[in-house]
């Protein structure tokens, strides 16, 4: 599995984009390897599980959440992932399959604090809110801490303040930019793969814009050079956003100019 994955990483790197997120099958393979890591691969495997599995309700997230829940409860022992670390990793999964395991762990003698800290920052609770409230009403102190934190919006107030001043480097695109310039219809097949689809943004030559390969690959290096100036990059055009594929077009611009979170 690792040989094939590293080959995939190299192929994507040659295009200047990151590897695809792990699939459910790949995530299951990583988990099995984590239980008995090949020599020298433990840190790499843990990084894959931590950073390369999609959050939320992706099939791979379900596999990840189930495994971490088992480790946090002590049902599965993994040398490089403690109960506390497993709970913390559950807390990074935004919402979805991680929510119920975290609520269950509010009653844990070992990791209730870690579960509470994770839930304080989890907003996509939906009806699971009532499960936390019920535990709080029943006297679970960790659940009460979560509800109190939500009531104070600590998930928001503990974040860095918005800077009073933002300096940006302007990426000037003259004339009208329609959504097909940013998300070309002939490349619609790649739209679910945002980094790959981004390579087609502004792929057709126009005044002031020189694509790296006309009709195929846009001015990616030019955008990267703008980023190296050390500021946020602001896309500026005379008219921007006409057309029907606004979400896909926005994905391309955000991938080009956004900050990694």
Protein backbone atom coordinates (compact mmCIF):
# COMPACT_ATOMS: atom_id res chain seq x y z
CA UNK A 1 0.00 0.00 0.00
CA UNK A 2 2.76 2.44 0.94
CA UNK A 3 4.66 1.87 -2.31
CA UNK A 4 1.57 2.60 -4.40
CA UNK A 5 0.70 5.63 -2.29
CA UNK A 6 4.17 7.13 -2.58
CA UNK A 7 4.04 6.65 -6.34
CA UNK A 8 0.73 8.53 -6.38
CA UNK A 9 2.28 11.32 -4.29
CA UNK A 10 5.15 11.63 -6.76
CA UNK A 11 2.80 11.75 -9.75
CA UNK A 12 0.75 14.53 -8.19
CA UNK A 13 3.85 16.42 -7.07
CA UNK A 14 5.01 16.46 -10.69
CA UNK A 15 1.81 18.39 -11.46
CA UNK A 16 2.39 20.73 -8.54
CA UNK A 17 -0.58 19.51 -6.49
CA UNK A 18 -1.03 17.44 -3.31
CA UNK A 19 -2.12 13.80 -3.27
CA UNK A 20 -5.77 12.86 -3.17
CA UNK A 21 -7.30 12.18 0.25
CA UNK A 22 -7.26 8.57 1.37
CA UNK A 23 -10.15 6.35 0.37
CA UNK A 24 -11.96 4.15 2.88
CA UNK A 25 -9.95 1.14 1.70
CA UNK A 26 -6.65 3.02 1.99
CA UNK A 27 -7.61 4.26 5.45
CA UNK A 28 -8.32 0.69 6.53
CA UNK A 29 -4.91 -0.35 5.19
CA UNK A 30 -3.20 2.45 7.12
CA UNK A 31 -4.97 1.37 10.30
CA UNK A 32 -3.84 -2.22 9.91
CA UNK A 33 -0.27 -1.06 9.36
CA UNK A 34 -0.47 1.20 12.44
CA UNK A 35 -1.21 -1.83 14.58
CA UNK A 36 2.19 -3.27 13.64
CA UNK A 37 4.14 -0.56 11.77
CA UNK A 38 6.94 -1.54 9.41
CA UNK A 39 10.30 -0.32 10.65
CA UNK A 40 10.63 3.44 10.34
CA UNK A 41 7.10 3.99 9.04
CA UNK A 42 5.19 4.70 12.26
CA UNK A 43 5.40 8.52 12.05
CA UNK A 44 4.45 8.52 8.36
CA UNK A 45 1.45 6.26 8.97
CA UNK A 46 0.25 8.42 11.85
CA UNK A 47 0.58 11.51 9.66
CA UNK A 48 -1.53 9.85 6.96
CA UNK A 49 -4.27 9.03 9.45
CA UNK A 50 -4.10 12.51 10.97
CA UNK A 51 -3.98 14.68 7.86
CA UNK A 52 -4.97 12.71 4.76
CA UNK A 53 -8.43 11.38 5.69
CA UNK A 54 -11.37 13.64 4.74
CA UNK A 55 -13.39 14.89 7.72
CA UNK A 56 -17.16 14.79 8.12
CA UNK A 57 -19.27 12.03 6.60
CA UNK A 58 -16.89 10.67 3.98
CA UNK A 59 -16.65 6.86 3.96
CA UNK A 60 -12.99 7.11 4.94
CA UNK A 61 -13.94 9.30 7.91
CA UNK A 62 -16.27 6.56 9.13
CA UNK A 63 -13.40 4.06 9.11
CA UNK A 64 -11.11 6.52 10.90
CA UNK A 65 -13.67 7.47 13.55
CA UNK A 66 -14.51 3.83 14.30
CA UNK A 67 -10.84 2.98 14.81
CA UNK A 68 -10.06 6.02 16.96
CA UNK A 69 -13.14 5.35 19.07
CA UNK A 70 -11.96 1.80 19.72
CA UNK A 71 -8.51 3.07 20.73
CA UNK A 72 -9.97 5.78 22.98
CA UNK A 73 -12.18 3.21 24.74
CA UNK A 74 -9.25 0.83 25.16
CA UNK A 75 -10.75 -1.87 22.95
CA UNK A 76 -7.77 -1.64 20.59
CA UNK A 77 -4.20 -0.97 21.68
CA UNK A 78 -1.80 0.85 19.37
CA UNK A 79 1.65 1.68 20.67
CA UNK A 80 1.91 5.11 19.04
CA UNK A 81 -1.66 6.30 19.72
CA UNK A 82 -2.72 6.73 23.34
CA UNK A 83 -6.34 6.95 24.46
CA UNK A 84 -5.93 10.70 24.90
CA UNK A 85 -4.35 11.17 21.47
CA UNK A 86 -7.09 9.11 19.82
CA UNK A 87 -9.71 11.33 21.44
CA UNK A 88 -7.90 14.48 20.35
CA UNK A 89 -7.77 13.18 16.77
CA UNK A 90 -11.50 12.48 16.87
CA UNK A 91 -11.92 16.13 17.80
CA UNK A 92 -10.25 17.28 14.58
CA UNK A 93 -12.85 15.64 12.34
CA UNK A 94 -15.27 18.62 12.30
CA UNK A 95 -18.50 16.63 12.69
CA UNK A 96 -20.25 13.58 11.37
CA UNK A 97 -18.94 10.16 12.38
CA UNK A 98 -16.80 11.51 15.22
CA UNK A 99 -19.65 13.10 17.19
CA UNK A 100 -21.27 10.08 18.85
CA UNK A 101 -17.92 8.55 19.90
CA UNK A 102 -16.95 11.84 21.54
CA UNK A 103 -20.27 12.05 23.38
CA UNK A 104 -19.84 8.48 24.62
CA UNK A 105 -16.35 9.37 25.86
CA UNK A 106 -17.77 12.11 28.10
CA UNK A 107 -18.40 9.27 30.53
CA UNK A 108 -14.87 7.89 30.29
CA UNK A 109 -12.72 7.84 33.40
CA UNK A 110 -9.63 8.32 31.23
CA UNK A 111 -10.42 10.82 28.48
CA UNK A 112 -13.59 12.72 29.44
CA UNK A 113 -11.62 15.98 29.56
CA UNK A 114 -10.19 15.46 26.07
CA UNK A 115 -13.64 14.56 24.73
CA UNK A 116 -15.15 17.68 26.28
CA UNK A 117 -12.43 19.91 24.85
CA UNK A 118 -13.06 18.41 21.41
CA UNK A 119 -16.83 18.87 21.57
CA UNK A 120 -16.49 22.49 22.70
CA UNK A 121 -15.09 23.23 19.24
CA UNK A 122 -17.51 21.02 17.31
CA UNK A 123 -20.47 22.88 15.82
CA UNK A 124 -22.00 20.35 13.42
CA UNK A 125 -23.88 18.53 16.17
CA UNK A 126 -27.45 18.61 14.84
CA UNK A 127 -29.72 16.43 17.03
CA UNK A 128 -26.72 15.12 18.98
CA UNK A 129 -26.90 18.39 20.91
CA UNK A 130 -29.74 16.85 22.90
CA UNK A 131 -27.56 13.88 23.87
CA UNK A 132 -25.00 16.22 25.40
CA UNK A 133 -27.74 18.22 27.13
CA UNK A 134 -29.23 15.03 28.60
CA UNK A 135 -25.85 14.00 29.99
CA UNK A 136 -25.43 17.46 31.45
CA UNK A 137 -28.86 17.35 33.09
CA UNK A 138 -28.02 13.91 34.48
CA UNK A 139 -24.99 15.34 36.29
CA UNK A 140 -22.14 14.63 33.88
CA UNK A 141 -19.70 17.45 34.64
CA UNK A 142 -17.84 17.12 31.35
CA UNK A 143 -21.08 17.45 29.38
CA UNK A 144 -22.00 20.51 31.46
CA UNK A 145 -18.66 22.09 30.57
CA UNK A 146 -19.42 21.55 26.88
CA UNK A 147 -22.87 23.13 27.09
CA UNK A 148 -21.48 26.06 29.06
CA UNK A 149 -18.72 26.55 26.49
CA UNK A 150 -21.24 26.52 23.64
CA UNK A 151 -23.39 29.08 25.44
CA UNK A 152 -20.38 31.40 25.67
CA UNK A 153 -19.42 30.78 22.02
CA UNK A 154 -15.89 29.92 23.08
CA UNK A 155 -15.40 28.14 19.74
CA UNK A 156 -15.47 31.66 18.28
CA UNK A 157 -14.05 33.88 21.02
CA UNK A 158 -10.92 31.75 21.41
CA UNK A 159 -9.98 32.11 17.76
CA UNK A 160 -7.39 34.70 16.66
CA UNK A 161 -8.82 38.16 16.19
CA UNK A 162 -9.43 39.43 12.68
CA UNK A 163 -6.51 41.74 11.87
CA UNK A 164 -7.35 45.43 11.72
CA UNK A 165 -5.34 45.73 8.52
CA UNK A 166 -4.77 43.23 5.70
CA UNK A 167 -2.10 43.80 3.08
CA UNK A 168 -2.69 41.97 -0.18
CA UNK A 169 -0.85 41.47 -3.45
CA UNK A 170 -3.20 42.10 -6.36
CA UNK A 171 -3.59 39.47 -9.06
CA UNK A 172 -5.01 41.73 -11.77
CA UNK A 173 -7.04 40.12 -14.54
CA UNK A 174 -8.29 42.70 -17.02
CA UNK A 175 -11.72 42.57 -18.59
CA UNK A 176 -14.54 40.24 -17.66
CA UNK A 177 -13.87 36.99 -15.84
CA UNK A 178 -16.72 34.52 -16.21
CA UNK A 179 -17.02 31.24 -14.39
CA UNK A 180 -15.85 29.30 -17.44
CA UNK A 181 -12.51 31.13 -17.25
CA UNK A 182 -12.04 29.87 -13.71
CA UNK A 183 -13.73 26.48 -14.05
CA UNK A 184 -13.71 25.54 -17.75
CA UNK A 185 -16.60 23.35 -18.88
CA UNK A 186 -14.34 21.04 -20.95
CA UNK A 187 -12.54 20.23 -17.68
CA UNK A 188 -15.75 19.55 -15.74
CA UNK A 189 -14.66 15.92 -15.25
CA UNK A 190 -11.99 17.10 -12.79
CA UNK A 191 -14.17 19.46 -10.73
CA UNK A 192 -14.46 17.11 -7.72
CA UNK A 193 -10.65 17.09 -7.56
CA UNK A 194 -10.19 20.78 -6.75
CA UNK A 195 -6.36 20.96 -6.92
CA UNK A 196 -6.32 19.17 -10.29
CA UNK A 197 -9.18 21.25 -11.65
CA UNK A 198 -7.45 24.44 -10.53
CA UNK A 199 -4.69 23.77 -13.06
CA UNK A 200 -7.19 24.67 -15.81
CA UNK A 201 -7.99 28.10 -14.32
CA UNK A 202 -7.23 30.86 -16.86
CA UNK A 203 -5.74 28.27 -19.20
CA UNK A 204 -6.59 30.34 -22.28
CA UNK A 205 -4.31 33.26 -23.12
CA UNK A 206 -5.74 36.75 -22.69
CA UNK A 207 -4.29 40.26 -22.28
CA UNK A 208 -1.99 40.24 -19.26
CA UNK A 209 -2.34 36.49 -18.67
CA UNK A 210 0.11 33.99 -20.13
CA UNK A 211 -0.81 30.38 -19.36
CA UNK A 212 1.97 27.87 -18.89
CA UNK A 213 0.46 25.73 -21.63
CA UNK A 214 -2.13 27.54 -23.70
CA UNK A 215 -5.48 25.79 -23.57
CA UNK A 216 -4.32 23.27 -20.99
CA UNK A 217 -2.59 24.74 -17.92
CA UNK A 218 -3.03 28.21 -16.47
CA UNK A 219 -0.47 30.63 -14.95
CA UNK A 220 0.16 28.55 -11.83
CA UNK A 221 3.79 29.58 -11.33
CA UNK A 222 2.85 33.24 -11.70
CA UNK A 223 0.31 32.86 -8.89
CA UNK A 224 2.88 31.04 -6.74
CA UNK A 225 5.35 33.87 -7.32
CA UNK A 226 2.75 36.38 -6.11
CA UNK A 227 2.31 34.35 -2.92
CA UNK A 228 6.05 34.45 -2.30
CA UNK A 229 5.79 38.20 -1.77
CA UNK A 230 4.50 37.30 1.68
CA UNK A 231 0.96 38.69 1.52
CA UNK A 232 -2.48 37.33 0.77
CA UNK A 233 -3.26 37.35 -2.94
CA UNK A 234 -6.41 39.20 -4.06
CA UNK A 235 -7.97 38.32 -7.41
CA UNK A 236 -9.07 41.60 -9.02
CA UNK A 237 -10.93 41.94 -12.31
CA UNK A 238 -13.14 44.50 -14.02
CA UNK A 239 -16.12 42.11 -13.84
CA UNK A 240 -15.84 38.80 -12.00
CA UNK A 241 -18.28 35.93 -11.61
CA UNK A 242 -20.70 35.99 -14.52
CA UNK A 243 -21.85 32.52 -15.52
CA UNK A 244 -23.45 29.49 -13.92
CA UNK A 245 -20.61 27.54 -12.24
CA UNK A 246 -19.93 29.97 -9.41
CA UNK A 247 -19.20 27.35 -6.77
CA UNK A 248 -16.65 25.55 -8.92
CA UNK A 249 -15.10 28.84 -10.02
CA UNK A 250 -14.83 29.94 -6.39
CA UNK A 251 -13.15 26.65 -5.51
CA UNK A 252 -10.43 27.39 -8.06
CA UNK A 253 -9.83 30.92 -6.81
CA UNK A 254 -9.80 29.83 -3.16
CA UNK A 255 -7.34 27.05 -3.94
CA UNK A 256 -5.15 29.56 -5.79
CA UNK A 257 -5.18 32.34 -3.22
CA UNK A 258 -6.45 30.94 0.09
CA UNK A 259 -4.52 30.08 3.23
CA UNK A 260 -4.03 26.48 4.31
CA UNK A 261 -6.05 25.76 7.46
